C-alpha atoms as a PDB file:
ATOM      1  CA  UNK A   1      17.907  20.326 -29.682  1.00  0.00           C
ATOM      2  CA  UNK A   2      17.767  16.685 -28.645  1.00  0.00           C
ATOM      3  CA  UNK A   3      17.835  15.896 -24.904  1.00  0.00           C
ATOM      4  CA  UNK A   4      20.023  13.035 -23.733  1.00  0.00           C
ATOM      5  CA  UNK A   5      17.847  11.300 -21.119  1.00  0.00           C
ATOM      6  CA  UNK A   6      20.599   8.805 -20.346  1.00  0.00           C
ATOM      7  CA  UNK A   7      22.408  11.567 -18.437  1.00  0.00           C
ATOM      8  CA  UNK A   8      19.518  11.555 -15.953  1.00  0.00           C
ATOM      9  CA  UNK A   9      19.864   7.828 -15.197  1.00  0.00           C
ATOM     10  CA  UNK A  10      22.314   7.455 -12.353  1.00  0.00           C
ATOM     11  CA  UNK A  11      21.759   3.869 -11.241  1.00  0.00           C
ATOM     12  CA  UNK A  12      21.143   5.137  -7.705  1.00  0.00           C
ATOM     13  CA  UNK A  13      18.199   3.573  -5.878  1.00  0.00           C
ATOM     14  CA  UNK A  14      15.110   5.801  -5.918  1.00  0.00           C
ATOM     15  CA  UNK A  15      14.380   4.751  -2.318  1.00  0.00           C
ATOM     16  CA  UNK A  16      15.502   6.784   0.659  1.00  0.00           C
ATOM     17  CA  UNK A  17      18.606   5.492   2.480  1.00  0.00           C
ATOM     18  CA  UNK A  18      16.520   4.495   5.517  1.00  0.00           C
ATOM     19  CA  UNK A  19      14.780   1.857   3.346  1.00  0.00           C
ATOM     20  CA  UNK A  20      18.036   0.249   2.156  1.00  0.00           C
ATOM     21  CA  UNK A  21      18.126  -2.459   4.848  1.00  0.00           C
ATOM     22  CA  UNK A  22      14.387  -3.104   4.495  1.00  0.00           C
ATOM     23  CA  UNK A  23      14.631  -3.574   0.722  1.00  0.00           C
ATOM     24  CA  UNK A  24      17.728  -5.781   1.074  1.00  0.00           C
ATOM     25  CA  UNK A  25      15.925  -8.012   3.583  1.00  0.00           C
ATOM     26  CA  UNK A  26      12.769  -8.097   1.412  1.00  0.00           C
ATOM     27  CA  UNK A  27      13.966  -8.819  -2.153  1.00  0.00           C
ATOM     28  CA  UNK A  28      10.618 -10.276  -3.309  1.00  0.00           C
ATOM     29  CA  UNK A  29       7.769  -8.249  -4.788  1.00  0.00           C
ATOM     30  CA  UNK A  30       4.046  -8.498  -4.217  1.00  0.00           C
ATOM     31  CA  UNK A  31       1.271  -6.158  -5.216  1.00  0.00           C
ATOM     32  CA  UNK A  32      -1.662  -4.491  -3.519  1.00  0.00           C
ATOM     33  CA  UNK A  33      -5.002  -3.457  -4.989  1.00  0.00           C
ATOM     34  CA  UNK A  34      -7.302  -1.308  -2.824  1.00  0.00           C
ATOM     35  CA  UNK A  35     -11.032  -1.302  -3.663  1.00  0.00           C
ATOM     36  CA  UNK A  36     -13.047   1.368  -1.826  1.00  0.00           C
ATOM     37  CA  UNK A  37     -16.835   1.281  -1.656  1.00  0.00           C
ATOM     38  CA  UNK A  38     -19.782   2.496   0.410  1.00  0.00           C
ATOM     39  CA  UNK A  39     -23.366   1.397   1.185  1.00  0.00           C
ATOM     40  CA  UNK A  40     -22.505  -2.210   1.990  1.00  0.00           C
ATOM     41  CA  UNK A  41     -20.069  -2.385  -0.923  1.00  0.00           C
ATOM     42  CA  UNK A  42     -22.772  -1.320  -3.391  1.00  0.00           C
ATOM     43  CA  UNK A  43     -21.115   1.849  -4.707  1.00  0.00           C
ATOM     44  CA  UNK A  44     -17.464   2.530  -5.544  1.00  0.00           C
ATOM     45  CA  UNK A  45     -16.071   5.730  -4.048  1.00  0.00           C
ATOM     46  CA  UNK A  46     -13.784   7.827  -6.229  1.00  0.00           C
ATOM     47  CA  UNK A  47     -11.235  10.407  -5.088  1.00  0.00           C
ATOM     48  CA  UNK A  48     -10.414   8.574  -1.868  1.00  0.00           C
ATOM     49  CA  UNK A  49      -6.873   9.308  -0.700  1.00  0.00           C
ATOM     50  CA  UNK A  50      -5.014   6.029  -0.109  1.00  0.00           C
ATOM     51  CA  UNK A  51      -1.722   5.927   1.788  1.00  0.00           C
ATOM     52  CA  UNK A  52       0.536   2.893   2.307  1.00  0.00           C
ATOM     53  CA  UNK A  53       3.072   3.057   5.128  1.00  0.00           C
ATOM     54  CA  UNK A  54       5.530   0.765   6.821  1.00  0.00           C
ATOM     55  CA  UNK A  55       7.131   0.721  10.226  1.00  0.00           C
ATOM     56  CA  UNK A  56      10.886   0.135  10.106  1.00  0.00           C
ATOM     57  CA  UNK A  57      13.016   0.271  13.263  1.00  0.00           C
ATOM     58  CA  UNK A  58      10.134   1.853  15.168  1.00  0.00           C
ATOM     59  CA  UNK A  59       9.636   4.679  12.648  1.00  0.00           C
ATOM     60  CA  UNK A  60       6.513   4.999  10.472  1.00  0.00           C
ATOM     61  CA  UNK A  61       7.278   5.871   6.829  1.00  0.00           C
ATOM     62  CA  UNK A  62       4.683   6.861   4.233  1.00  0.00           C
ATOM     63  CA  UNK A  63       5.831   5.079   1.070  1.00  0.00           C
ATOM     64  CA  UNK A  64       2.906   5.377  -1.359  1.00  0.00           C
ATOM     65  CA  UNK A  65       0.045   7.838  -1.908  1.00  0.00           C
ATOM     66  CA  UNK A  66      -2.650   7.852  -4.574  1.00  0.00           C
ATOM     67  CA  UNK A  67      -6.345   8.572  -5.152  1.00  0.00           C
ATOM     68  CA  UNK A  68      -8.988   6.036  -6.195  1.00  0.00           C
ATOM     69  CA  UNK A  69     -10.325   6.134  -9.734  1.00  0.00           C
ATOM     70  CA  UNK A  70     -14.013   6.221 -10.741  1.00  0.00           C
ATOM     71  CA  UNK A  71     -14.220   2.489  -9.940  1.00  0.00           C
ATOM     72  CA  UNK A  72     -13.003   3.141  -6.386  1.00  0.00           C
ATOM     73  CA  UNK A  73      -9.692   1.389  -7.095  1.00  0.00           C
ATOM     74  CA  UNK A  74      -6.012   2.057  -6.606  1.00  0.00           C
ATOM     75  CA  UNK A  75      -4.273  -0.693  -8.511  1.00  0.00           C
ATOM     76  CA  UNK A  76      -0.823  -2.258  -8.901  1.00  0.00           C
ATOM     77  CA  UNK A  77       0.927  -0.945  -5.825  1.00  0.00           C
ATOM     78  CA  UNK A  78       4.148  -2.984  -5.976  1.00  0.00           C
ATOM     79  CA  UNK A  79       5.738  -3.540  -2.555  1.00  0.00           C
ATOM     80  CA  UNK A  80       8.817  -5.353  -1.248  1.00  0.00           C
ATOM     81  CA  UNK A  81       8.271  -8.729   0.417  1.00  0.00           C
ATOM     82  CA  UNK A  82      10.337 -11.710   1.467  1.00  0.00           C
ATOM     83  CA  UNK A  83      10.975 -14.326  -1.198  1.00  0.00           C
ATOM     84  CA  UNK A  84       8.301 -17.021  -1.567  1.00  0.00           C
ATOM     85  CA  UNK A  85      10.921 -19.760  -1.091  1.00  0.00           C
ATOM     86  CA  UNK A  86      11.431 -18.615   2.497  1.00  0.00           C
ATOM     87  CA  UNK A  87       7.953 -19.911   3.360  1.00  0.00           C
ATOM     88  CA  UNK A  88       8.696 -23.506   2.296  1.00  0.00           C
ATOM     89  CA  UNK A  89      10.051 -24.896   5.561  1.00  0.00           C
ATOM     90  CA  UNK A  90       8.833 -24.870   9.173  1.00  0.00           C
ATOM     91  CA  UNK A  91      11.913 -22.906  10.254  1.00  0.00           C
ATOM     92  CA  UNK A  92      11.167 -19.995   7.949  1.00  0.00           C
ATOM     93  CA  UNK A  93       7.349 -20.169   7.702  1.00  0.00           C
ATOM     94  CA  UNK A  94       5.818 -16.769   8.335  1.00  0.00           C
ATOM     95  CA  UNK A  95       9.042 -14.940   7.538  1.00  0.00           C
ATOM     96  CA  UNK A  96       7.733 -14.215   4.052  1.00  0.00           C
ATOM     97  CA  UNK A  97       5.099 -11.931   5.491  1.00  0.00           C
ATOM     98  CA  UNK A  98       5.729  -8.224   4.962  1.00  0.00           C
ATOM     99  CA  UNK A  99       3.137  -6.080   6.739  1.00  0.00           C
ATOM    100  CA  UNK A 100       2.160  -2.609   5.584  1.00  0.00           C
ATOM    101  CA  UNK A 101      -0.301  -0.098   7.011  1.00  0.00           C
ATOM    102  CA  UNK A 102      -3.064   1.226   4.753  1.00  0.00           C
ATOM    103  CA  UNK A 103      -4.999   4.405   5.528  1.00  0.00           C
ATOM    104  CA  UNK A 104      -7.906   5.858   3.548  1.00  0.00           C
ATOM    105  CA  UNK A 105      -9.343   9.367   3.757  1.00  0.00           C
ATOM    106  CA  UNK A 106     -12.347  11.063   2.166  1.00  0.00           C
ATOM    107  CA  UNK A 107     -14.090  14.171   3.551  1.00  0.00           C
ATOM    108  CA  UNK A 108     -17.563  12.534   3.426  1.00  0.00           C
ATOM    109  CA  UNK A 109     -16.611   9.311   5.230  1.00  0.00           C
ATOM    110  CA  UNK A 110     -15.007   8.110   8.437  1.00  0.00           C
ATOM    111  CA  UNK A 111     -11.285   7.641   7.931  1.00  0.00           C
ATOM    112  CA  UNK A 112      -9.502   4.343   8.340  1.00  0.00           C
ATOM    113  CA  UNK A 113      -6.002   4.644   9.747  1.00  0.00           C
ATOM    114  CA  UNK A 114      -3.151   2.110   9.683  1.00  0.00           C
ATOM    115  CA  UNK A 115      -5.061  -1.011   8.700  1.00  0.00           C
ATOM    116  CA  UNK A 116      -2.478  -3.840   8.540  1.00  0.00           C
ATOM    117  CA  UNK A 117      -2.091  -5.696   5.233  1.00  0.00           C
ATOM    118  CA  UNK A 118       0.227  -8.617   4.552  1.00  0.00           C
ATOM    119  CA  UNK A 119       2.060  -8.714   1.214  1.00  0.00           C
ATOM    120  CA  UNK A 120       3.605 -11.919  -0.121  1.00  0.00           C
ATOM    121  CA  UNK A 121       5.997 -12.517  -2.995  1.00  0.00           C
ATOM    122  CA  UNK A 122       4.392 -12.855  -6.444  1.00  0.00           C
ATOM    123  CA  UNK A 123       0.845 -12.528  -5.054  1.00  0.00           C
ATOM    124  CA  UNK A 124      -1.663  -9.725  -5.600  1.00  0.00           C
ATOM    125  CA  UNK A 125      -3.414  -8.866  -2.349  1.00  0.00           C
ATOM    126  CA  UNK A 126      -6.844  -7.291  -2.791  1.00  0.00           C
ATOM    127  CA  UNK A 127      -8.001  -5.102   0.085  1.00  0.00           C
ATOM    128  CA  UNK A 128     -11.729  -4.302   0.036  1.00  0.00           C
ATOM    129  CA  UNK A 129     -12.474  -1.179   2.092  1.00  0.00           C
ATOM    130  CA  UNK A 130     -16.062  -0.339   3.061  1.00  0.00           C
ATOM    131  CA  UNK A 131     -16.429   3.277   4.147  1.00  0.00           C
ATOM    132  CA  UNK A 132     -19.033   4.539   6.592  1.00  0.00           C
ATOM    133  CA  UNK A 133     -20.529   7.998   5.977  1.00  0.00           C
ATOM    134  CA  UNK A 134     -19.878  10.691   8.536  1.00  0.00           C
ATOM    135  CA  UNK A 135     -22.845  11.346  10.759  1.00  0.00           C
ATOM    136  CA  UNK A 136     -23.881  14.958  11.207  1.00  0.00           C
ATOM    137  CA  UNK A 137     -24.029  14.489  15.001  1.00  0.00           C
ATOM    138  CA  UNK A 138     -27.767  15.183  15.180  1.00  0.00           C
ATOM    139  CA  UNK A 139     -27.429  18.664  13.688  1.00  0.00           C
ATOM    140  CA  UNK A 140     -29.999  19.651  11.085  1.00  0.00           C
END
């Protein structure tokens, strides 16, 4: 029996209703690439949990979660931003900045929580993250 996948396409936004005003006010799209490493950026760290969040109307929303690959990378995270044209005049300069919060977690390293990252329309932002190993607190 053949399945009609078109019945599953509703045209409804996949975003939660609380993001509707944020997406409407940020019609541009930029991307984020997170590169996680250790030992002074000498070694990529795989299986690092990466979370991207945003604060809208005073509420923090987790909008993206993934794990780094063997190269220590989470790639092509597409995020809403203001349109690039809004940065072309002194009156609107800076308005094209959409700020997100990036957190990274791995059980062998110190966590990084809510690191701010600016996303701009049609630009890939690369965030290098250098993790510090957890100390054992002097216990042997």
